[in-house]
Amino acid sequence: MTFTILGRDAKTGELGIGIATYSLAVGATCPQILPGIAVMTTQASTNPTIAEEIMELIENGYSPTDAFMQALANDEHPSFR
């Protein structure tokens, strides 16, 4: 079982994330934060490179939706996420 919570403080704009799953050290490897812009993680069968790819695409001008769809298309096992 996996639980993930993402949050944004309405007053400060700060972003945060919490995640718990069966994968060891998931909190150290999966969550990615692009300060003031985006928070991303994978869960279940984790793959931290997906979140890294999404963040890189967003930094290069992709919308969050387009970045997600591009990363999903590049994932060999999207149904695992």
PDB file of N, CA and C in Angstrom:
ATOM      1  N   MET A   1       0.840  -1.168   0.000  1.00  0.00           N
ATOM      2  CA  MET A   1       0.000   0.000   0.000  1.00  0.00           C
ATOM      3  C   MET A   1       0.890   1.237   0.000  1.00  0.00           C
ATOM      4  N   THR A   2       0.515   2.218  -0.801  1.00  0.00           N
ATOM      5  CA  THR A   2       1.290   3.450  -0.931  1.00  0.00           C
ATOM      6  C   THR A   2       0.415   4.645  -0.620  1.00  0.00           C
ATOM      7  N   PHE A   3       0.976   5.593   0.105  1.00  0.00           N
ATOM      8  CA  PHE A   3       0.277   6.837   0.413  1.00  0.00           C
ATOM      9  C   PHE A   3       1.186   8.001   0.040  1.00  0.00           C
ATOM     10  N   THR A   4       0.614   8.976  -0.650  1.00  0.00           N
ATOM     11  CA  THR A   4       1.350  10.186  -1.013  1.00  0.00           C
ATOM     12  C   THR A   4       0.457  11.383  -0.768  1.00  0.00           C
ATOM     13  N   ILE A   5       1.025  12.426  -0.195  1.00  0.00           N
ATOM     14  CA  ILE A   5       0.293  13.672  -0.015  1.00  0.00           C
ATOM     15  C   ILE A   5       1.170  14.814  -0.523  1.00  0.00           C
ATOM     16  N   LEU A   6       0.559  15.678  -1.308  1.00  0.00           N
ATOM     17  CA  LEU A   6       1.234  16.873  -1.819  1.00  0.00           C
ATOM     18  C   LEU A   6       0.523  18.072  -1.233  1.00  0.00           C
ATOM     19  N   GLY A   7       1.264  19.122  -0.927  1.00  0.00           N
ATOM     20  CA  GLY A   7       0.632  20.300  -0.354  1.00  0.00           C
ATOM     21  C   GLY A   7       1.277  21.588  -0.818  1.00  0.00           C
ATOM     22  N   ARG A   8       0.465  22.649  -0.787  1.00  0.00           N
ATOM     23  CA  ARG A   8       0.949  23.992  -1.116  1.00  0.00           C
ATOM     24  C   ARG A   8       0.363  24.959  -0.105  1.00  0.00           C
ATOM     25  N   ASP A   9       1.213  25.741   0.541  1.00  0.00           N
ATOM     26  CA  ASP A   9       0.765  26.759   1.480  1.00  0.00           C
ATOM     27  C   ASP A   9       0.236  27.944   0.676  1.00  0.00           C
ATOM     28  N   ALA A  10      -1.039  28.266   0.857  1.00  0.00           N
ATOM     29  CA  ALA A  10      -1.674  29.336   0.084  1.00  0.00           C
ATOM     30  C   ALA A  10      -1.060  30.704   0.362  1.00  0.00           C
ATOM     31  N   LYS A  11      -0.557  30.912   1.570  1.00  0.00           N
ATOM     32  CA  LYS A  11       0.024  32.212   1.914  1.00  0.00           C
ATOM     33  C   LYS A  11       1.438  32.386   1.383  1.00  0.00           C
ATOM     34  N   THR A  12       2.256  31.352   1.497  1.00  0.00           N
ATOM     35  CA  THR A  12       3.671  31.481   1.127  1.00  0.00           C
ATOM     36  C   THR A  12       4.005  30.871  -0.230  1.00  0.00           C
ATOM     37  N   GLY A  13       3.147  29.984  -0.722  1.00  0.00           N
ATOM     38  CA  GLY A  13       3.428  29.291  -1.976  1.00  0.00           C
ATOM     39  C   GLY A  13       4.382  28.124  -1.820  1.00  0.00           C
ATOM     40  N   GLU A  14       4.807  27.833  -0.576  1.00  0.00           N
ATOM     41  CA  GLU A  14       5.728  26.720  -0.349  1.00  0.00           C
ATOM     42  C   GLU A  14       5.055  25.400  -0.708  1.00  0.00           C
ATOM     43  N   LEU A  15       5.845  24.489  -1.271  1.00  0.00           N
ATOM     44  CA  LEU A  15       5.369  23.177  -1.675  1.00  0.00           C
ATOM     45  C   LEU A  15       5.975  22.115  -0.775  1.00  0.00           C
ATOM     46  N   GLY A  16       5.232  21.032  -0.564  1.00  0.00           N
ATOM     47  CA  GLY A  16       5.753  19.944   0.249  1.00  0.00           C
ATOM     48  C   GLY A  16       5.179  18.617  -0.193  1.00  0.00           C
ATOM     49  N   ILE A  17       5.817  17.537   0.244  1.00  0.00           N
ATOM     50  CA  ILE A  17       5.388  16.197  -0.128  1.00  0.00           C
ATOM     51  C   ILE A  17       5.719  15.220   0.988  1.00  0.00           C
ATOM     52  N   GLY A  18       4.873  14.225   1.150  1.00  0.00           N
ATOM     53  CA  GLY A  18       5.127  13.113   2.054  1.00  0.00           C
ATOM     54  C   GLY A  18       4.739  11.833   1.337  1.00  0.00           C
ATOM     55  N   ILE A  19       5.531  10.776   1.471  1.00  0.00           N
ATOM     56  CA  ILE A  19       5.249   9.516   0.789  1.00  0.00           C
ATOM     57  C   ILE A  19       5.651   8.350   1.681  1.00  0.00           C
ATOM     58  N   ALA A  20       4.845   7.296   1.649  1.00  0.00           N
ATOM     59  CA  ALA A  20       5.153   6.065   2.378  1.00  0.00           C
ATOM     60  C   ALA A  20       4.733   4.885   1.504  1.00  0.00           C
ATOM     61  N   THR A  21       5.615   3.904   1.362  1.00  0.00           N
ATOM     62  CA  THR A  21       5.324   2.725   0.559  1.00  0.00           C
ATOM     63  C   THR A  21       6.238   1.586   0.992  1.00  0.00           C
ATOM     64  N   TYR A  22       6.164   0.471   0.298  1.00  0.00           N
ATOM     65  CA  TYR A  22       6.992  -0.677   0.650  1.00  0.00           C
ATOM     66  C   TYR A  22       8.447  -0.506   0.223  1.00  0.00           C
ATOM     67  N   SER A  23       8.723   0.322  -0.759  1.00  0.00           N
ATOM     68  CA  SER A  23      10.097   0.516  -1.238  1.00  0.00           C
ATOM     69  C   SER A  23      10.948   1.200  -0.173  1.00  0.00           C
ATOM     70  N   LEU A  24      12.104   0.648   0.110  1.00  0.00           N
ATOM     71  CA  LEU A  24      12.997   1.239   1.094  1.00  0.00           C
ATOM     72  C   LEU A  24      13.515   2.591   0.621  1.00  0.00           C
ATOM     73  N   ALA A  25      13.603   3.526   1.526  1.00  0.00           N
ATOM     74  CA  ALA A  25      14.164   4.860   1.286  1.00  0.00           C
ATOM     75  C   ALA A  25      13.436   5.635   0.198  1.00  0.00           C
ATOM     76  N   VAL A  26      12.145   5.369   0.034  1.00  0.00           N
ATOM     77  CA  VAL A  26      11.384   6.050  -1.020  1.00  0.00           C
ATOM     78  C   VAL A  26      11.425   7.566  -0.850  1.00  0.00           C
ATOM     79  N   GLY A  27      11.395   8.040   0.373  1.00  0.00           N
ATOM     80  CA  GLY A  27      11.412   9.481   0.614  1.00  0.00           C
ATOM     81  C   GLY A  27      12.720  10.144   0.236  1.00  0.00           C
ATOM     82  N   ALA A  28      13.784   9.370   0.174  1.00  0.00           N
ATOM     83  CA  ALA A  28      15.091   9.920  -0.189  1.00  0.00           C
ATOM     84  C   ALA A  28      15.345   9.886  -1.689  1.00  0.00           C
ATOM     85  N   THR A  29      14.589   9.060  -2.415  1.00  0.00           N
ATOM     86  CA  THR A  29      14.895   8.887  -3.831  1.00  0.00           C
ATOM     87  C   THR A  29      13.814   9.366  -4.790  1.00  0.00           C
ATOM     88  N   CYS A  30      12.560   9.318  -4.396  1.00  0.00           N
ATOM     89  CA  CYS A  30      11.491   9.575  -5.370  1.00  0.00           C
ATOM     90  C   CYS A  30      10.946  10.998  -5.430  1.00  0.00           C
ATOM     91  N   PRO A  31      10.648  11.645  -4.324  1.00  0.00           N
ATOM     92  CA  PRO A  31      10.067  12.989  -4.434  1.00  0.00           C
ATOM     93  C   PRO A  31      11.025  13.978  -5.103  1.00  0.00           C
ATOM     94  N   GLN A  32      10.478  14.773  -5.983  1.00  0.00           N
ATOM     95  CA  GLN A  32      11.229  15.828  -6.657  1.00  0.00           C
ATOM     96  C   GLN A  32      10.460  17.129  -6.481  1.00  0.00           C
ATOM     97  N   ILE A  33      11.148  18.197  -6.145  1.00  0.00           N
ATOM     98  CA  ILE A  33      10.509  19.501  -5.973  1.00  0.00           C
ATOM     99  C   ILE A  33      11.244  20.521  -6.822  1.00  0.00           C
ATOM    100  N   LEU A  34      10.486  21.232  -7.635  1.00  0.00           N
ATOM    101  CA  LEU A  34      10.981  22.369  -8.394  1.00  0.00           C
ATOM    102  C   LEU A  34      10.421  23.582  -7.666  1.00  0.00           C
ATOM    103  N   PRO A  35      11.217  24.230  -6.802  1.00  0.00           N
ATOM    104  CA  PRO A  35      10.703  25.247  -5.882  1.00  0.00           C
ATOM    105  C   PRO A  35       9.779  26.274  -6.550  1.00  0.00           C
ATOM    106  N   GLY A  36       8.599  26.405  -5.952  1.00  0.00           N
ATOM    107  CA  GLY A  36       7.613  27.369  -6.416  1.00  0.00           C
ATOM    108  C   GLY A  36       6.879  26.988  -7.685  1.00  0.00           C
ATOM    109  N   ILE A  37       7.206  25.824  -8.259  1.00  0.00           N
ATOM    110  CA  ILE A  37       6.611  25.452  -9.541  1.00  0.00           C
ATOM    111  C   ILE A  37       5.901  24.108  -9.497  1.00  0.00           C
ATOM    112  N   ALA A  38       6.581  23.055  -9.028  1.00  0.00           N
ATOM    113  CA  ALA A  38       6.000  21.719  -9.125  1.00  0.00           C
ATOM    114  C   ALA A  38       6.554  20.785  -8.061  1.00  0.00           C
ATOM    115  N   VAL A  39       5.744  19.782  -7.731  1.00  0.00           N
ATOM    116  CA  VAL A  39       6.134  18.681  -6.853  1.00  0.00           C
ATOM    117  C   VAL A  39       5.733  17.404  -7.580  1.00  0.00           C
ATOM    118  N   MET A  40       6.609  16.403  -7.595  1.00  0.00           N
ATOM    119  CA  MET A  40       6.343  15.187  -8.353  1.00  0.00           C
ATOM    120  C   MET A  40       6.969  14.000  -7.658  1.00  0.00           C
ATOM    121  N   THR A  41       6.305  12.846  -7.743  1.00  0.00           N
ATOM    122  CA  THR A  41       6.882  11.597  -7.271  1.00  0.00           C
ATOM    123  C   THR A  41       6.253  10.439  -8.019  1.00  0.00           C
ATOM    124  N   THR A  42       6.910   9.296  -8.003  1.00  0.00           N
ATOM    125  CA  THR A  42       6.277   8.065  -8.454  1.00  0.00           C
ATOM    126  C   THR A  42       5.968   7.252  -7.218  1.00  0.00           C
ATOM    127  N   GLN A  43       5.037   6.333  -7.358  1.00  0.00           N
ATOM    128  CA  GLN A  43       4.723   5.468  -6.230  1.00  0.00           C
ATOM    129  C   GLN A  43       4.461   4.063  -6.739  1.00  0.00           C
ATOM    130  N   ALA A  44       4.175   3.148  -5.819  1.00  0.00           N
ATOM    131  CA  ALA A  44       4.044   1.717  -6.109  1.00  0.00           C
ATOM    132  C   ALA A  44       5.420   1.189  -6.505  1.00  0.00           C
ATOM    133  N   SER A  45       5.610   0.717  -7.731  1.00  0.00           N
ATOM    134  CA  SER A  45       6.938   0.302  -8.199  1.00  0.00           C
ATOM    135  C   SER A  45       7.652   1.564  -8.647  1.00  0.00           C
ATOM    136  N   THR A  46       8.421   2.126  -7.759  1.00  0.00           N
ATOM    137  CA  THR A  46       8.955   3.471  -7.968  1.00  0.00           C
ATOM    138  C   THR A  46      10.039   3.516  -9.039  1.00  0.00           C
ATOM    139  N   ASN A  47      10.114   4.668  -9.680  1.00  0.00           N
ATOM    140  CA  ASN A  47      11.162   4.947 -10.657  1.00  0.00           C
ATOM    141  C   ASN A  47      11.457   6.441 -10.570  1.00  0.00           C
ATOM    142  N   PRO A  48      12.441   6.828  -9.772  1.00  0.00           N
ATOM    143  CA  PRO A  48      12.714   8.250  -9.569  1.00  0.00           C
ATOM    144  C   PRO A  48      13.120   8.996 -10.832  1.00  0.00           C
ATOM    145  N   THR A  49      13.592   8.300 -11.846  1.00  0.00           N
ATOM    146  CA  THR A  49      13.988   9.003 -13.067  1.00  0.00           C
ATOM    147  C   THR A  49      12.791   9.597 -13.795  1.00  0.00           C
ATOM    148  N   ILE A  50      11.596   9.056 -13.584  1.00  0.00           N
ATOM    149  CA  ILE A  50      10.398   9.614 -14.221  1.00  0.00           C
ATOM    150  C   ILE A  50      10.140  11.019 -13.697  1.00  0.00           C
ATOM    151  N   ALA A  51      10.165  11.183 -12.384  1.00  0.00           N
ATOM    152  CA  ALA A  51       9.943  12.510 -11.801  1.00  0.00           C
ATOM    153  C   ALA A  51      11.040  13.476 -12.231  1.00  0.00           C
ATOM    154  N   GLU A  52      12.274  12.993 -12.292  1.00  0.00           N
ATOM    155  CA  GLU A  52      13.380  13.845 -12.746  1.00  0.00           C
ATOM    156  C   GLU A  52      13.151  14.295 -14.186  1.00  0.00           C
ATOM    157  N   GLU A  53      12.689  13.382 -15.037  1.00  0.00           N
ATOM    158  CA  GLU A  53      12.423  13.719 -16.438  1.00  0.00           C
ATOM    159  C   GLU A  53      11.302  14.752 -16.544  1.00  0.00           C
ATOM    160  N   ILE A  54      10.247  14.572 -15.767  1.00  0.00           N
ATOM    161  CA  ILE A  54       9.131  15.520 -15.793  1.00  0.00           C
ATOM    162  C   ILE A  54       9.600  16.901 -15.368  1.00  0.00           C
ATOM    163  N   MET A  55      10.375  16.976 -14.298  1.00  0.00           N
ATOM    164  CA  MET A  55      10.865  18.270 -13.832  1.00  0.00           C
ATOM    165  C   MET A  55      11.737  18.942 -14.888  1.00  0.00           C
ATOM    166  N   GLU A  56      12.583  18.168 -15.546  1.00  0.00           N
ATOM    167  CA  GLU A  56      13.439  18.728 -16.591  1.00  0.00           C
ATOM    168  C   GLU A  56      12.596  19.263 -17.752  1.00  0.00           C
ATOM    169  N   LEU A  57      11.568  18.526 -18.141  1.00  0.00           N
ATOM    170  CA  LEU A  57      10.696  18.978 -19.224  1.00  0.00           C
ATOM    171  C   LEU A  57       9.962  20.263 -18.843  1.00  0.00           C
ATOM    172  N   ILE A  58       9.482  20.345 -17.600  1.00  0.00           N
ATOM    173  CA  ILE A  58       8.802  21.562 -17.140  1.00  0.00           C
ATOM    174  C   ILE A  58       9.765  22.744 -17.177  1.00  0.00           C
ATOM    175  N   GLU A  59      10.990  22.522 -16.715  1.00  0.00           N
ATOM    176  CA  GLU A  59      11.996  23.594 -16.753  1.00  0.00           C
ATOM    177  C   GLU A  59      12.286  24.055 -18.182  1.00  0.00           C
ATOM    178  N   ASN A  60      12.075  23.159 -19.148  1.00  0.00           N
ATOM    179  CA  ASN A  60      12.327  23.487 -20.553  1.00  0.00           C
ATOM    180  C   ASN A  60      11.067  23.943 -21.285  1.00  0.00           C
ATOM    181  N   GLY A  61      10.025  24.316 -20.529  1.00  0.00           N
ATOM    182  CA  GLY A  61       8.861  24.940 -21.138  1.00  0.00           C
ATOM    183  C   GLY A  61       7.650  24.066 -21.379  1.00  0.00           C
ATOM    184  N   TYR A  62       7.732  22.770 -21.082  1.00  0.00           N
ATOM    185  CA  TYR A  62       6.566  21.910 -21.241  1.00  0.00           C
ATOM    186  C   TYR A  62       5.538  22.244 -20.162  1.00  0.00           C
ATOM    187  N   SER A  63       4.264  22.095 -20.480  1.00  0.00           N
ATOM    188  CA  SER A  63       3.240  22.205 -19.444  1.00  0.00           C
ATOM    189  C   SER A  63       3.350  20.961 -18.565  1.00  0.00           C
ATOM    190  N   PRO A  64       2.871  21.014 -17.325  1.00  0.00           N
ATOM    191  CA  PRO A  64       2.917  19.815 -16.481  1.00  0.00           C
ATOM    192  C   PRO A  64       2.233  18.612 -17.131  1.00  0.00           C
ATOM    193  N   THR A  65       1.098  18.824 -17.778  1.00  0.00           N
ATOM    194  CA  THR A  65       0.390  17.716 -18.432  1.00  0.00           C
ATOM    195  C   THR A  65       1.218  17.130 -19.568  1.00  0.00           C
ATOM    196  N   ASP A  66       1.773  17.986 -20.416  1.00  0.00           N
ATOM    197  CA  ASP A  66       2.585  17.497 -21.532  1.00  0.00           C
ATOM    198  C   ASP A  66       3.848  16.796 -21.039  1.00  0.00           C
ATOM    199  N   ALA A  67       4.458  17.323 -19.992  1.00  0.00           N
ATOM    200  CA  ALA A  67       5.651  16.693 -19.424  1.00  0.00           C
ATOM    201  C   ALA A  67       5.317  15.311 -18.880  1.00  0.00           C
ATOM    202  N   PHE A  68       4.191  15.199 -18.181  1.00  0.00           N
ATOM    203  CA  PHE A  68       3.754  13.912 -17.638  1.00  0.00           C
ATOM    204  C   PHE A  68       3.512  12.910 -18.767  1.00  0.00           C
ATOM    205  N   MET A  69       2.792  13.331 -19.797  1.00  0.00           N
ATOM    206  CA  MET A  69       2.474  12.429 -20.902  1.00  0.00           C
ATOM    207  C   MET A  69       3.740  11.980 -21.636  1.00  0.00           C
ATOM    208  N   GLN A  70       4.694  12.879 -21.808  1.00  0.00           N
ATOM    209  CA  GLN A  70       5.952  12.531 -22.469  1.00  0.00           C
ATOM    210  C   GLN A  70       6.733  11.513 -21.636  1.00  0.00           C
ATOM    211  N   ALA A  71       6.834  11.748 -20.341  1.00  0.00           N
ATOM    212  CA  ALA A  71       7.556  10.820 -19.465  1.00  0.00           C
ATOM    213  C   ALA A  71       6.859   9.467 -19.423  1.00  0.00           C
ATOM    214  N   LEU A  72       5.543   9.467 -19.391  1.00  0.00           N
ATOM    215  CA  LEU A  72       4.784   8.219 -19.379  1.00  0.00           C
ATOM    216  C   LEU A  72       5.023   7.433 -20.670  1.00  0.00           C
ATOM    217  N   ALA A  73       5.080   8.132 -21.787  1.00  0.00           N
ATOM    218  CA  ALA A  73       5.341   7.479 -23.073  1.00  0.00           C
ATOM    219  C   ALA A  73       6.738   6.858 -23.111  1.00  0.00           C
ATOM    220  N   ASN A  74       7.680   7.435 -22.367  1.00  0.00           N
ATOM    221  CA  ASN A  74       9.054   6.922 -22.334  1.00  0.00           C
ATOM    222  C   ASN A  74       9.250   5.795 -21.325  1.00  0.00           C
ATOM    223  N   ASP A  75       8.282   5.580 -20.440  1.00  0.00           N
ATOM    224  CA  ASP A  75       8.395   4.561 -19.388  1.00  0.00           C
ATOM    225  C   ASP A  75       8.085   3.178 -19.971  1.00  0.00           C
ATOM    226  N   GLU A  76       8.972   2.219 -19.742  1.00  0.00           N
ATOM    227  CA  GLU A  76       8.758   0.857 -20.237  1.00  0.00           C
ATOM    228  C   GLU A  76       7.631   0.132 -19.503  1.00  0.00           C
ATOM    229  N   HIS A  77       7.298   0.578 -18.287  1.00  0.00           N
ATOM    230  CA  HIS A  77       6.275  -0.097 -17.482  1.00  0.00           C
ATOM    231  C   HIS A  77       5.315   0.907 -16.849  1.00  0.00           C
ATOM    232  N   PRO A  78       4.583   1.687 -17.642  1.00  0.00           N
ATOM    233  CA  PRO A  78       3.727   2.727 -17.054  1.00  0.00           C
ATOM    234  C   PRO A  78       2.625   2.181 -16.151  1.00  0.00           C
ATOM    235  N   SER A  79       2.163   0.968 -16.399  1.00  0.00           N
ATOM    236  CA  SER A  79       1.090   0.418 -15.563  1.00  0.00           C
ATOM    237  C   SER A  79       1.578   0.076 -14.159  1.00  0.00           C
ATOM    238  N   PHE A  80       2.885   0.009 -13.944  1.00  0.00           N
ATOM    239  CA  PHE A  80       3.436  -0.260 -12.617  1.00  0.00           C
ATOM    240  C   PHE A  80       3.374   0.956 -11.709  1.00  0.00           C
ATOM    241  N   ARG A  81       3.232   2.144 -12.275  1.00  0.00           N
ATOM    242  CA  ARG A  81       3.278   3.362 -11.481  1.00  0.00           C
ATOM    243  C   ARG A  81       1.903   3.673 -10.979  1.00  0.00           C
TER     244      ARG A  81
END
